[in-house]
């Protein structure tokens, strides 16, 4: 558990902001799929879980990219990505 905490605490500001905003959207999308499945059988729970898995992988990759960009001095680029990419979760 300390390893995960040290990794998250070592992230730069735009990367950690992106990570938590993306997690908010991921949880919302996942629970929306579960709620839809619970109300009717028209929704596909497997599709919802698979989409959530892909979004988690997408989030981890872009958090890593934003962190590297910010660490190497590309501050404006990393903040632009932070503003632009959450649109993919909607």
PDB file of N, CA and C in Angstrom:
ATOM      1  N   UNK A   1       0.820  -1.191   0.000  1.00  0.00           N
ATOM      2  CA  UNK A   1       0.000   0.000   0.000  1.00  0.00           C
ATOM      3  C   UNK A   1       0.864   1.256   0.000  1.00  0.00           C
ATOM      4  N   UNK A   2       2.005   1.205   0.679  1.00  0.00           N
ATOM      5  CA  UNK A   2       2.901   2.358   0.695  1.00  0.00           C
ATOM      6  C   UNK A   2       3.444   2.655  -0.691  1.00  0.00           C
ATOM      7  N   UNK A   3       3.627   1.620  -1.514  1.00  0.00           N
ATOM      8  CA  UNK A   3       4.135   1.810  -2.867  1.00  0.00           C
ATOM      9  C   UNK A   3       3.145   2.605  -3.720  1.00  0.00           C
ATOM     10  N   UNK A   4       1.860   2.293  -3.607  1.00  0.00           N
ATOM     11  CA  UNK A   4       0.838   3.017  -4.361  1.00  0.00           C
ATOM     12  C   UNK A   4       0.764   4.459  -3.876  1.00  0.00           C
ATOM     13  N   UNK A   5       0.806   4.651  -2.564  1.00  0.00           N
ATOM     14  CA  UNK A   5       0.752   6.004  -2.007  1.00  0.00           C
ATOM     15  C   UNK A   5       1.949   6.831  -2.452  1.00  0.00           C
ATOM     16  N   UNK A   6       3.128   6.229  -2.476  1.00  0.00           N
ATOM     17  CA  UNK A   6       4.320   6.969  -2.894  1.00  0.00           C
ATOM     18  C   UNK A   6       4.256   7.318  -4.378  1.00  0.00           C
ATOM     19  N   UNK A   7       3.693   6.433  -5.192  1.00  0.00           N
ATOM     20  CA  UNK A   7       3.544   6.721  -6.627  1.00  0.00           C
ATOM     21  C   UNK A   7       2.573   7.885  -6.844  1.00  0.00           C
ATOM     22  N   UNK A   8       1.438   7.849  -6.172  1.00  0.00           N
ATOM     23  CA  UNK A   8       0.438   8.905  -6.340  1.00  0.00           C
ATOM     24  C   UNK A   8       0.953  10.227  -5.783  1.00  0.00           C
ATOM     25  N   UNK A   9       1.640  10.198  -4.654  1.00  0.00           N
ATOM     26  CA  UNK A   9       2.132  11.440  -4.064  1.00  0.00           C
ATOM     27  C   UNK A   9       3.281  12.045  -4.856  1.00  0.00           C
ATOM     28  N   UNK A  10       3.941  11.263  -5.703  1.00  0.00           N
ATOM     29  CA  UNK A  10       5.040  11.794  -6.509  1.00  0.00           C
ATOM     30  C   UNK A  10       4.555  12.416  -7.815  1.00  0.00           C
ATOM     31  N   UNK A  11       3.251  12.319  -8.112  1.00  0.00           N
ATOM     32  CA  UNK A  11       2.711  12.906  -9.337  1.00  0.00           C
ATOM     33  C   UNK A  11       2.701  14.429  -9.238  1.00  0.00           C
ATOM     34  N   UNK A  12       2.897  15.067 -10.376  1.00  0.00           N
ATOM     35  CA  UNK A  12       2.829  16.527 -10.451  1.00  0.00           C
ATOM     36  C   UNK A  12       1.373  16.974 -10.442  1.00  0.00           C
ATOM     37  N   UNK A  13       1.147  18.255 -10.225  1.00  0.00           N
ATOM     38  CA  UNK A  13      -0.206  18.794 -10.048  1.00  0.00           C
ATOM     39  C   UNK A  13      -1.152  18.481 -11.207  1.00  0.00           C
ATOM     40  N   UNK A  14      -0.781  18.720 -12.473  1.00  0.00           N
ATOM     41  CA  UNK A  14      -1.751  18.403 -13.539  1.00  0.00           C
ATOM     42  C   UNK A  14      -2.041  16.914 -13.654  1.00  0.00           C
ATOM     43  N   UNK A  15      -1.048  16.085 -13.394  1.00  0.00           N
ATOM     44  CA  UNK A  15      -1.259  14.636 -13.502  1.00  0.00           C
ATOM     45  C   UNK A  15      -2.197  14.132 -12.415  1.00  0.00           C
ATOM     46  N   UNK A  16      -2.021  14.596 -11.212  1.00  0.00           N
ATOM     47  CA  UNK A  16      -2.891  14.120 -10.125  1.00  0.00           C
ATOM     48  C   UNK A  16      -4.302  14.686 -10.290  1.00  0.00           C
ATOM     49  N   UNK A  17      -4.414  15.909 -10.802  1.00  0.00           N
ATOM     50  CA  UNK A  17      -5.737  16.483 -11.071  1.00  0.00           C
ATOM     51  C   UNK A  17      -6.452  15.676 -12.144  1.00  0.00           C
ATOM     52  N   UNK A  18      -5.748  15.367 -13.219  1.00  0.00           N
ATOM     53  CA  UNK A  18      -6.327  14.558 -14.293  1.00  0.00           C
ATOM     54  C   UNK A  18      -6.752  13.185 -13.761  1.00  0.00           C
ATOM     55  N   UNK A  19      -5.903  12.574 -12.951  1.00  0.00           N
ATOM     56  CA  UNK A  19      -6.174  11.246 -12.411  1.00  0.00           C
ATOM     57  C   UNK A  19      -7.477  11.231 -11.609  1.00  0.00           C
ATOM     58  N   UNK A  20      -7.655  12.204 -10.716  1.00  0.00           N
ATOM     59  CA  UNK A  20      -8.847  12.201  -9.878  1.00  0.00           C
ATOM     60  C   UNK A  20     -10.107  12.621 -10.642  1.00  0.00           C
ATOM     61  N   UNK A  21      -9.985  13.527 -11.598  1.00  0.00           N
ATOM     62  CA  UNK A  21     -11.137  13.883 -12.429  1.00  0.00           C
ATOM     63  C   UNK A  21     -11.561  12.671 -13.266  1.00  0.00           C
ATOM     64  N   UNK A  22     -10.586  11.971 -13.825  1.00  0.00           N
ATOM     65  CA  UNK A  22     -10.884  10.781 -14.628  1.00  0.00           C
ATOM     66  C   UNK A  22     -11.513   9.685 -13.773  1.00  0.00           C
ATOM     67  N   UNK A  23     -11.023   9.490 -12.560  1.00  0.00           N
ATOM     68  CA  UNK A  23     -11.631   8.484 -11.678  1.00  0.00           C
ATOM     69  C   UNK A  23     -13.081   8.814 -11.369  1.00  0.00           C
ATOM     70  N   UNK A  24     -13.369  10.086 -11.190  1.00  0.00           N
ATOM     71  CA  UNK A  24     -14.749  10.510 -10.959  1.00  0.00           C
ATOM     72  C   UNK A  24     -15.640  10.092 -12.126  1.00  0.00           C
ATOM     73  N   UNK A  25     -15.196  10.349 -13.353  1.00  0.00           N
ATOM     74  CA  UNK A  25     -15.977   9.971 -14.534  1.00  0.00           C
ATOM     75  C   UNK A  25     -16.058   8.452 -14.686  1.00  0.00           C
ATOM     76  N   UNK A  26     -14.998   7.741 -14.380  1.00  0.00           N
ATOM     77  CA  UNK A  26     -15.001   6.284 -14.502  1.00  0.00           C
ATOM     78  C   UNK A  26     -16.005   5.668 -13.533  1.00  0.00           C
ATOM     79  N   UNK A  27     -15.982   6.112 -12.280  1.00  0.00           N
ATOM     80  CA  UNK A  27     -16.942   5.584 -11.308  1.00  0.00           C
ATOM     81  C   UNK A  27     -18.375   5.895 -11.735  1.00  0.00           C
ATOM     82  N   UNK A  28     -18.609   7.089 -12.213  1.00  0.00           N
ATOM     83  CA  UNK A  28     -19.941   7.465 -12.668  1.00  0.00           C
ATOM     84  C   UNK A  28     -20.413   6.611 -13.828  1.00  0.00           C
ATOM     85  N   UNK A  29     -19.539   6.392 -14.795  1.00  0.00           N
ATOM     86  CA  UNK A  29     -19.903   5.573 -15.960  1.00  0.00           C
ATOM     87  C   UNK A  29     -20.162   4.122 -15.555  1.00  0.00           C
ATOM     88  N   UNK A  30     -19.333   3.594 -14.670  1.00  0.00           N
ATOM     89  CA  UNK A  30     -19.508   2.213 -14.229  1.00  0.00           C
ATOM     90  C   UNK A  30     -20.818   2.038 -13.460  1.00  0.00           C
ATOM     91  N   UNK A  31     -21.076   2.920 -12.500  1.00  0.00           N
ATOM     92  CA  UNK A  31     -22.285   2.770 -11.707  1.00  0.00           C
ATOM     93  C   UNK A  31     -23.544   3.089 -12.511  1.00  0.00           C
ATOM     94  N   UNK A  32     -23.425   3.911 -13.530  1.00  0.00           N
ATOM     95  CA  UNK A  32     -24.555   4.131 -14.424  1.00  0.00           C
ATOM     96  C   UNK A  32     -24.890   2.841 -15.171  1.00  0.00           C
ATOM     97  N   UNK A  33     -23.875   2.109 -15.619  1.00  0.00           N
ATOM     98  CA  UNK A  33     -24.109   0.831 -16.284  1.00  0.00           C
ATOM     99  C   UNK A  33     -24.707  -0.207 -15.350  1.00  0.00           C
ATOM    100  N   UNK A  34     -24.230  -0.247 -14.120  1.00  0.00           N
ATOM    101  CA  UNK A  34     -24.768  -1.193 -13.135  1.00  0.00           C
ATOM    102  C   UNK A  34     -26.216  -0.837 -12.796  1.00  0.00           C
ATOM    103  N   UNK A  35     -26.493   0.449 -12.629  1.00  0.00           N
ATOM    104  CA  UNK A  35     -27.857   0.887 -12.324  1.00  0.00           C
ATOM    105  C   UNK A  35     -28.806   0.551 -13.479  1.00  0.00           C
ATOM    106  N   UNK A  36     -28.350   0.766 -14.698  1.00  0.00           N
ATOM    107  CA  UNK A  36     -29.174   0.444 -15.863  1.00  0.00           C
ATOM    108  C   UNK A  36     -29.468  -1.056 -15.917  1.00  0.00           C
ATOM    109  N   UNK A  37     -28.453  -1.870 -15.630  1.00  0.00           N
ATOM    110  CA  UNK A  37     -28.633  -3.316 -15.640  1.00  0.00           C
ATOM    111  C   UNK A  37     -29.595  -3.756 -14.542  1.00  0.00           C
ATOM    112  N   UNK A  38     -29.538  -3.105 -13.382  1.00  0.00           N
ATOM    113  CA  UNK A  38     -30.412  -3.476 -12.268  1.00  0.00           C
ATOM    114  C   UNK A  38     -31.866  -3.113 -12.553  1.00  0.00           C
ATOM    115  N   UNK A  39     -32.085  -2.056 -13.315  1.00  0.00           N
ATOM    116  CA  UNK A  39     -33.455  -1.631 -13.617  1.00  0.00           C
ATOM    117  C   UNK A  39     -34.077  -2.408 -14.752  1.00  0.00           C
ATOM    118  N   UNK A  40     -33.261  -2.797 -15.721  1.00  0.00           N
ATOM    119  CA  UNK A  40     -33.799  -3.548 -16.849  1.00  0.00           C
ATOM    120  C   UNK A  40     -32.700  -4.442 -17.409  1.00  0.00           C
ATOM    121  N   UNK A  41     -33.103  -5.475 -18.081  1.00  0.00           N
ATOM    122  CA  UNK A  41     -32.132  -6.402 -18.660  1.00  0.00           C
ATOM    123  C   UNK A  41     -31.687  -5.979 -20.050  1.00  0.00           C
ATOM    124  N   UNK A  42     -32.071  -4.785 -20.480  1.00  0.00           N
ATOM    125  CA  UNK A  42     -31.676  -4.307 -21.795  1.00  0.00           C
ATOM    126  C   UNK A  42     -30.211  -3.850 -21.832  1.00  0.00           C
ATOM    127  N   UNK A  43     -29.658  -3.543 -20.681  1.00  0.00           N
ATOM    128  CA  UNK A  43     -28.278  -3.065 -20.604  1.00  0.00           C
ATOM    129  C   UNK A  43     -27.327  -4.248 -20.479  1.00  0.00           C
ATOM    130  N   UNK A  44     -26.152  -4.076 -21.018  1.00  0.00           N
ATOM    131  CA  UNK A  44     -25.152  -5.137 -21.029  1.00  0.00           C
ATOM    132  C   UNK A  44     -24.090  -4.845 -19.968  1.00  0.00           C
ATOM    133  N   UNK A  45     -24.083  -5.600 -18.888  1.00  0.00           N
ATOM    134  CA  UNK A  45     -23.140  -5.377 -17.782  1.00  0.00           C
ATOM    135  C   UNK A  45     -21.709  -5.704 -18.195  1.00  0.00           C
ATOM    136  N   UNK A  46     -21.543  -6.701 -19.072  1.00  0.00           N
ATOM    137  CA  UNK A  46     -20.194  -7.044 -19.526  1.00  0.00           C
ATOM    138  C   UNK A  46     -19.575  -5.888 -20.307  1.00  0.00           C
ATOM    139  N   UNK A  47     -20.391  -5.234 -21.118  1.00  0.00           N
ATOM    140  CA  UNK A  47     -19.912  -4.075 -21.881  1.00  0.00           C
ATOM    141  C   UNK A  47     -19.519  -2.955 -20.935  1.00  0.00           C
ATOM    142  N   UNK A  48     -20.283  -2.741 -19.889  1.00  0.00           N
ATOM    143  CA  UNK A  48     -19.984  -1.693 -18.920  1.00  0.00           C
ATOM    144  C   UNK A  48     -18.665  -1.968 -18.191  1.00  0.00           C
ATOM    145  N   UNK A  49     -18.441  -3.213 -17.815  1.00  0.00           N
ATOM    146  CA  UNK A  49     -17.197  -3.577 -17.131  1.00  0.00           C
ATOM    147  C   UNK A  49     -16.008  -3.447 -18.077  1.00  0.00           C
ATOM    148  N   UNK A  50     -16.179  -3.865 -19.321  1.00  0.00           N
ATOM    149  CA  UNK A  50     -15.101  -3.762 -20.303  1.00  0.00           C
ATOM    150  C   UNK A  50     -14.761  -2.298 -20.606  1.00  0.00           C
ATOM    151  N   UNK A  51     -15.778  -1.455 -20.751  1.00  0.00           N
ATOM    152  CA  UNK A  51     -15.538  -0.035 -20.964  1.00  0.00           C
ATOM    153  C   UNK A  51     -14.804   0.584 -19.784  1.00  0.00           C
ATOM    154  N   UNK A  52     -15.182   0.182 -18.581  1.00  0.00           N
ATOM    155  CA  UNK A  52     -14.512   0.688 -17.383  1.00  0.00           C
ATOM    156  C   UNK A  52     -13.056   0.260 -17.367  1.00  0.00           C
ATOM    157  N   UNK A  53     -12.779  -0.973 -17.735  1.00  0.00           N
ATOM    158  CA  UNK A  53     -11.397  -1.459 -17.787  1.00  0.00           C
ATOM    159  C   UNK A  53     -10.573  -0.635 -18.779  1.00  0.00           C
ATOM    160  N   UNK A  54     -11.123  -0.389 -19.962  1.00  0.00           N
ATOM    161  CA  UNK A  54     -10.407   0.405 -20.963  1.00  0.00           C
ATOM    162  C   UNK A  54     -10.180   1.836 -20.489  1.00  0.00           C
ATOM    163  N   UNK A  55     -11.163   2.414 -19.820  1.00  0.00           N
ATOM    164  CA  UNK A  55     -11.003   3.771 -19.311  1.00  0.00           C
ATOM    165  C   UNK A  55      -9.937   3.851 -18.220  1.00  0.00           C
ATOM    166  N   UNK A  56      -9.841   2.818 -17.391  1.00  0.00           N
ATOM    167  CA  UNK A  56      -8.791   2.789 -16.362  1.00  0.00           C
ATOM    168  C   UNK A  56      -7.418   2.733 -17.023  1.00  0.00           C
ATOM    169  N   UNK A  57      -7.259   1.887 -18.023  1.00  0.00           N
ATOM    170  CA  UNK A  57      -5.980   1.802 -18.742  1.00  0.00           C
ATOM    171  C   UNK A  57      -5.674   3.129 -19.425  1.00  0.00           C
ATOM    172  N   UNK A  58      -6.656   3.719 -20.092  1.00  0.00           N
ATOM    173  CA  UNK A  58      -6.515   5.013 -20.747  1.00  0.00           C
ATOM    174  C   UNK A  58      -6.087   6.081 -19.740  1.00  0.00           C
ATOM    175  N   UNK A  59      -6.706   6.082 -18.565  1.00  0.00           N
ATOM    176  CA  UNK A  59      -6.393   7.056 -17.525  1.00  0.00           C
ATOM    177  C   UNK A  59      -4.969   6.882 -17.013  1.00  0.00           C
ATOM    178  N   UNK A  60      -4.560   5.654 -16.770  1.00  0.00           N
ATOM    179  CA  UNK A  60      -3.198   5.419 -16.268  1.00  0.00           C
ATOM    180  C   UNK A  60      -2.148   5.864 -17.281  1.00  0.00           C
ATOM    181  N   UNK A  61      -2.391   5.571 -18.555  1.00  0.00           N
ATOM    182  CA  UNK A  61      -1.427   5.965 -19.592  1.00  0.00           C
ATOM    183  C   UNK A  61      -1.333   7.482 -19.684  1.00  0.00           C
ATOM    184  N   UNK A  62      -2.471   8.170 -19.734  1.00  0.00           N
ATOM    185  CA  UNK A  62      -2.426   9.622 -19.892  1.00  0.00           C
ATOM    186  C   UNK A  62      -1.967  10.329 -18.627  1.00  0.00           C
ATOM    187  N   UNK A  63      -2.204   9.760 -17.456  1.00  0.00           N
ATOM    188  CA  UNK A  63      -1.646  10.327 -16.227  1.00  0.00           C
ATOM    189  C   UNK A  63      -0.133  10.254 -16.278  1.00  0.00           C
ATOM    190  N   UNK A  64       0.395   9.140 -16.725  1.00  0.00           N
ATOM    191  CA  UNK A  64       1.840   8.965 -16.864  1.00  0.00           C
ATOM    192  C   UNK A  64       2.413   9.955 -17.880  1.00  0.00           C
ATOM    193  N   UNK A  65       1.736  10.105 -19.027  1.00  0.00           N
ATOM    194  CA  UNK A  65       2.204  11.029 -20.069  1.00  0.00           C
ATOM    195  C   UNK A  65       2.195  12.470 -19.558  1.00  0.00           C
ATOM    196  N   UNK A  66       1.122  12.878 -18.904  1.00  0.00           N
ATOM    197  CA  UNK A  66       1.033  14.241 -18.375  1.00  0.00           C
ATOM    198  C   UNK A  66       2.129  14.477 -17.344  1.00  0.00           C
ATOM    199  N   UNK A  67       2.375  13.502 -16.492  1.00  0.00           N
ATOM    200  CA  UNK A  67       3.408  13.643 -15.466  1.00  0.00           C
ATOM    201  C   UNK A  67       4.795  13.799 -16.103  1.00  0.00           C
ATOM    202  N   UNK A  68       5.086  13.017 -17.123  1.00  0.00           N
ATOM    203  CA  UNK A  68       6.383  13.112 -17.800  1.00  0.00           C
ATOM    204  C   UNK A  68       6.520  14.458 -18.506  1.00  0.00           C
ATOM    205  N   UNK A  69       5.472  14.894 -19.204  1.00  0.00           N
ATOM    206  CA  UNK A  69       5.530  16.183 -19.892  1.00  0.00           C
ATOM    207  C   UNK A  69       5.782  17.326 -18.911  1.00  0.00           C
ATOM    208  N   UNK A  70       5.076  17.316 -17.805  1.00  0.00           N
ATOM    209  CA  UNK A  70       5.238  18.378 -16.815  1.00  0.00           C
ATOM    210  C   UNK A  70       6.630  18.326 -16.191  1.00  0.00           C
ATOM    211  N   UNK A  71       7.136  17.140 -15.938  1.00  0.00           N
ATOM    212  CA  UNK A  71       8.466  16.990 -15.348  1.00  0.00           C
ATOM    213  C   UNK A  71       9.561  17.482 -16.282  1.00  0.00           C
ATOM    214  N   UNK A  72       9.348  17.383 -17.575  1.00  0.00           N
ATOM    215  CA  UNK A  72      10.358  17.800 -18.553  1.00  0.00           C
ATOM    216  C   UNK A  72      10.205  19.252 -18.990  1.00  0.00           C
ATOM    217  N   UNK A  73       9.290  19.982 -18.373  1.00  0.00           N
ATOM    218  CA  UNK A  73       9.172  21.405 -18.633  1.00  0.00           C
ATOM    219  C   UNK A  73       8.068  21.816 -19.576  1.00  0.00           C
ATOM    220  N   UNK A  74       7.270  20.898 -20.048  1.00  0.00           N
ATOM    221  CA  UNK A  74       6.161  21.210 -20.950  1.00  0.00           C
ATOM    222  C   UNK A  74       4.898  21.491 -20.134  1.00  0.00           C
ATOM    223  N   UNK A  75       4.940  22.581 -19.384  1.00  0.00           N
ATOM    224  CA  UNK A  75       3.861  22.886 -18.454  1.00  0.00           C
ATOM    225  C   UNK A  75       2.554  23.223 -19.172  1.00  0.00           C
ATOM    226  N   UNK A  76       2.615  24.062 -20.192  1.00  0.00           N
ATOM    227  CA  UNK A  76       1.390  24.447 -20.906  1.00  0.00           C
ATOM    228  C   UNK A  76       0.771  23.271 -21.639  1.00  0.00           C
ATOM    229  N   UNK A  77       1.610  22.421 -22.203  1.00  0.00           N
ATOM    230  CA  UNK A  77       1.098  21.241 -22.909  1.00  0.00           C
ATOM    231  C   UNK A  77       0.390  20.290 -21.947  1.00  0.00           C
ATOM    232  N   UNK A  78       0.966  20.072 -20.792  1.00  0.00           N
ATOM    233  CA  UNK A  78       0.344  19.156 -19.830  1.00  0.00           C
ATOM    234  C   UNK A  78      -0.971  19.715 -19.305  1.00  0.00           C
ATOM    235  N   UNK A  79      -1.050  21.038 -19.091  1.00  0.00           N
ATOM    236  CA  UNK A  79      -2.318  21.624 -18.656  1.00  0.00           C
ATOM    237  C   UNK A  79      -3.357  21.582 -19.775  1.00  0.00           C
ATOM    238  N   UNK A  80      -2.926  21.733 -21.027  1.00  0.00           N
ATOM    239  CA  UNK A  80      -3.854  21.624 -22.157  1.00  0.00           C
ATOM    240  C   UNK A  80      -4.450  20.222 -22.231  1.00  0.00           C
ATOM    241  N   UNK A  81      -3.621  19.213 -22.072  1.00  0.00           N
ATOM    242  CA  UNK A  81      -4.104  17.833 -22.090  1.00  0.00           C
ATOM    243  C   UNK A  81      -5.084  17.600 -20.951  1.00  0.00           C
ATOM    244  N   UNK A  82      -4.797  18.180 -19.805  1.00  0.00           N
ATOM    245  CA  UNK A  82      -5.683  18.049 -18.648  1.00  0.00           C
ATOM    246  C   UNK A  82      -7.062  18.607 -18.964  1.00  0.00           C
ATOM    247  N   UNK A  83      -7.119  19.706 -19.689  1.00  0.00           N
ATOM    248  CA  UNK A  83      -8.400  20.325 -20.024  1.00  0.00           C
ATOM    249  C   UNK A  83      -9.087  19.589 -21.177  1.00  0.00           C
ATOM    250  N   UNK A  84      -8.313  19.104 -22.142  1.00  0.00           N
ATOM    251  CA  UNK A  84      -8.871  18.515 -23.358  1.00  0.00           C
ATOM    252  C   UNK A  84      -9.361  17.087 -23.179  1.00  0.00           C
ATOM    253  N   UNK A  85      -8.608  16.220 -22.525  1.00  0.00           N
ATOM    254  CA  UNK A  85      -8.908  14.791 -22.528  1.00  0.00           C
ATOM    255  C   UNK A  85     -10.062  14.323 -21.656  1.00  0.00           C
ATOM    256  N   UNK A  86     -10.474  15.016 -20.604  1.00  0.00           N
ATOM    257  CA  UNK A  86     -11.676  14.525 -19.909  1.00  0.00           C
ATOM    258  C   UNK A  86     -12.922  14.514 -20.783  1.00  0.00           C
ATOM    259  N   UNK A  87     -12.889  15.178 -21.920  1.00  0.00           N
ATOM    260  CA  UNK A  87     -14.033  15.148 -22.843  1.00  0.00           C
ATOM    261  C   UNK A  87     -14.271  13.729 -23.377  1.00  0.00           C
ATOM    262  N   UNK A  88     -13.259  12.880 -23.385  1.00  0.00           N
ATOM    263  CA  UNK A  88     -13.420  11.511 -23.856  1.00  0.00           C
ATOM    264  C   UNK A  88     -14.239  10.645 -22.894  1.00  0.00           C
ATOM    265  N   UNK A  89     -14.360  11.075 -21.660  1.00  0.00           N
ATOM    266  CA  UNK A  89     -15.095  10.284 -20.676  1.00  0.00           C
ATOM    267  C   UNK A  89     -16.593  10.562 -20.717  1.00  0.00           C
ATOM    268  N   UNK A  90     -16.979  11.640 -21.353  1.00  0.00           N
ATOM    269  CA  UNK A  90     -18.398  12.022 -21.359  1.00  0.00           C
ATOM    270  C   UNK A  90     -19.150  11.229 -22.418  1.00  0.00           C
TER     271      UNK A  90
END
